[in-house]
C-alpha atoms as a PDB file:
ATOM      1  CA  UNK A   1     154.011  63.881 131.518  1.00  0.00           C
ATOM      2  CA  UNK A   2     155.680  65.284 128.588  1.00  0.00           C
ATOM      3  CA  UNK A   3     159.151  66.997 129.536  1.00  0.00           C
ATOM      4  CA  UNK A   4     159.704  70.247 128.059  1.00  0.00           C
ATOM      5  CA  UNK A   5     162.512  68.917 125.893  1.00  0.00           C
ATOM      6  CA  UNK A   6     159.944  66.380 124.260  1.00  0.00           C
ATOM      7  CA  UNK A   7     157.491  69.397 123.606  1.00  0.00           C
ATOM      8  CA  UNK A   8     160.107  71.814 122.395  1.00  0.00           C
ATOM      9  CA  UNK A   9     161.517  68.666 119.975  1.00  0.00           C
ATOM     10  CA  UNK A  10     157.975  68.233 118.725  1.00  0.00           C
ATOM     11  CA  UNK A  11     157.279  71.951 118.093  1.00  0.00           C
ATOM     12  CA  UNK A  12     160.568  72.510 116.167  1.00  0.00           C
ATOM     13  CA  UNK A  13     159.993  69.300 114.058  1.00  0.00           C
ATOM     14  CA  UNK A  14     156.502  70.625 113.249  1.00  0.00           C
ATOM     15  CA  UNK A  15     157.757  74.204 112.345  1.00  0.00           C
ATOM     16  CA  UNK A  16     160.948  72.690 110.223  1.00  0.00           C
ATOM     17  CA  UNK A  17     158.286  70.535 108.315  1.00  0.00           C
ATOM     18  CA  UNK A  18     156.198  73.486 107.782  1.00  0.00           C
ATOM     19  CA  UNK A  19     159.313  75.334 106.614  1.00  0.00           C
ATOM     20  CA  UNK A  20     159.822  72.250 104.278  1.00  0.00           C
ATOM     21  CA  UNK A  21     163.179  71.608 105.589  1.00  0.00           C
ATOM     22  CA  UNK A  22     164.781  68.372 106.187  1.00  0.00           C
ATOM     23  CA  UNK A  23     166.680  67.614 109.295  1.00  0.00           C
ATOM     24  CA  UNK A  24     170.029  68.232 107.061  1.00  0.00           C
ATOM     25  CA  UNK A  25     169.013  71.477 105.870  1.00  0.00           C
ATOM     26  CA  UNK A  26     168.049  72.688 109.128  1.00  0.00           C
ATOM     27  CA  UNK A  27     171.076  71.338 110.704  1.00  0.00           C
ATOM     28  CA  UNK A  28     173.452  72.720 108.005  1.00  0.00           C
ATOM     29  CA  UNK A  29     171.602  76.290 108.489  1.00  0.00           C
ATOM     30  CA  UNK A  30     171.914  76.158 112.284  1.00  0.00           C
ATOM     31  CA  UNK A  31     175.497  74.610 112.547  1.00  0.00           C
ATOM     32  CA  UNK A  32     174.526  71.827 113.980  1.00  0.00           C
ATOM     33  CA  UNK A  33     174.903  67.837 113.180  1.00  0.00           C
ATOM     34  CA  UNK A  34     171.838  66.206 111.642  1.00  0.00           C
ATOM     35  CA  UNK A  35     172.364  63.774 114.693  1.00  0.00           C
ATOM     36  CA  UNK A  36     171.851  66.598 117.098  1.00  0.00           C
ATOM     37  CA  UNK A  37     168.705  67.892 115.231  1.00  0.00           C
ATOM     38  CA  UNK A  38     167.486  64.021 115.581  1.00  0.00           C
ATOM     39  CA  UNK A  39     168.008  64.163 119.273  1.00  0.00           C
ATOM     40  CA  UNK A  40     166.386  67.223 119.694  1.00  0.00           C
ATOM     41  CA  UNK A  41     163.119  66.499 117.959  1.00  0.00           C
ATOM     42  CA  UNK A  42     162.989  63.136 119.774  1.00  0.00           C
ATOM     43  CA  UNK A  43     163.107  65.640 123.231  1.00  0.00           C
ATOM     44  CA  UNK A  44     166.843  63.959 124.184  1.00  0.00           C
ATOM     45  CA  UNK A  45     168.733  66.772 123.726  1.00  0.00           C
ATOM     46  CA  UNK A  46     168.234  70.506 123.462  1.00  0.00           C
ATOM     47  CA  UNK A  47     169.974  73.498 121.711  1.00  0.00           C
ATOM     48  CA  UNK A  48     171.509  76.348 123.789  1.00  0.00           C
ATOM     49  CA  UNK A  49     169.827  79.548 124.182  1.00  0.00           C
ATOM     50  CA  UNK A  50     172.041  81.041 121.489  1.00  0.00           C
ATOM     51  CA  UNK A  51     171.283  77.830 119.386  1.00  0.00           C
ATOM     52  CA  UNK A  52     167.545  78.147 119.959  1.00  0.00           C
ATOM     53  CA  UNK A  53     167.828  81.688 118.165  1.00  0.00           C
ATOM     54  CA  UNK A  54     169.664  80.056 115.429  1.00  0.00           C
ATOM     55  CA  UNK A  55     166.981  77.697 115.017  1.00  0.00           C
ATOM     56  CA  UNK A  56     164.603  80.127 115.157  1.00  0.00           C
ATOM     57  CA  UNK A  57     165.807  82.647 112.674  1.00  0.00           C
ATOM     58  CA  UNK A  58     166.171  79.625 109.873  1.00  0.00           C
ATOM     59  CA  UNK A  59     162.678  78.876 110.743  1.00  0.00           C
ATOM     60  CA  UNK A  60     161.842  82.492 110.276  1.00  0.00           C
ATOM     61  CA  UNK A  61     159.879  82.408 113.559  1.00  0.00           C
ATOM     62  CA  UNK A  62     160.558  84.419 117.050  1.00  0.00           C
ATOM     63  CA  UNK A  63     162.192  82.373 119.767  1.00  0.00           C
ATOM     64  CA  UNK A  64     159.080  82.361 121.570  1.00  0.00           C
ATOM     65  CA  UNK A  65     157.272  80.663 118.900  1.00  0.00           C
ATOM     66  CA  UNK A  66     159.558  77.392 119.463  1.00  0.00           C
ATOM     67  CA  UNK A  67     157.836  77.487 123.078  1.00  0.00           C
ATOM     68  CA  UNK A  68     154.020  77.673 121.731  1.00  0.00           C
ATOM     69  CA  UNK A  69     153.158  74.226 122.415  1.00  0.00           C
ATOM     70  CA  UNK A  70     149.524  72.879 122.048  1.00  0.00           C
ATOM     71  CA  UNK A  71     147.909  71.618 124.734  1.00  0.00           C
ATOM     72  CA  UNK A  72     146.292  68.054 124.268  1.00  0.00           C
ATOM     73  CA  UNK A  73     142.679  67.588 125.421  1.00  0.00           C
ATOM     74  CA  UNK A  74     142.004  64.831 127.398  1.00  0.00           C
END
């Protein structure tokens, strides 16, 4: 079973790539380190609630869009 942190990380990576941003650009715009963004995208760490708001703002989406996970079909 995939954790919510892994789902969130994958979703942030997808939205970041769609926005044509590098991890470094996202990190700088959000006030995070590149290392932290990498950990988030791998599902090892997660931003705080206020951090999620910053990430969403930079990616030009609402916070709820960060949690719009696609369900995989079996």
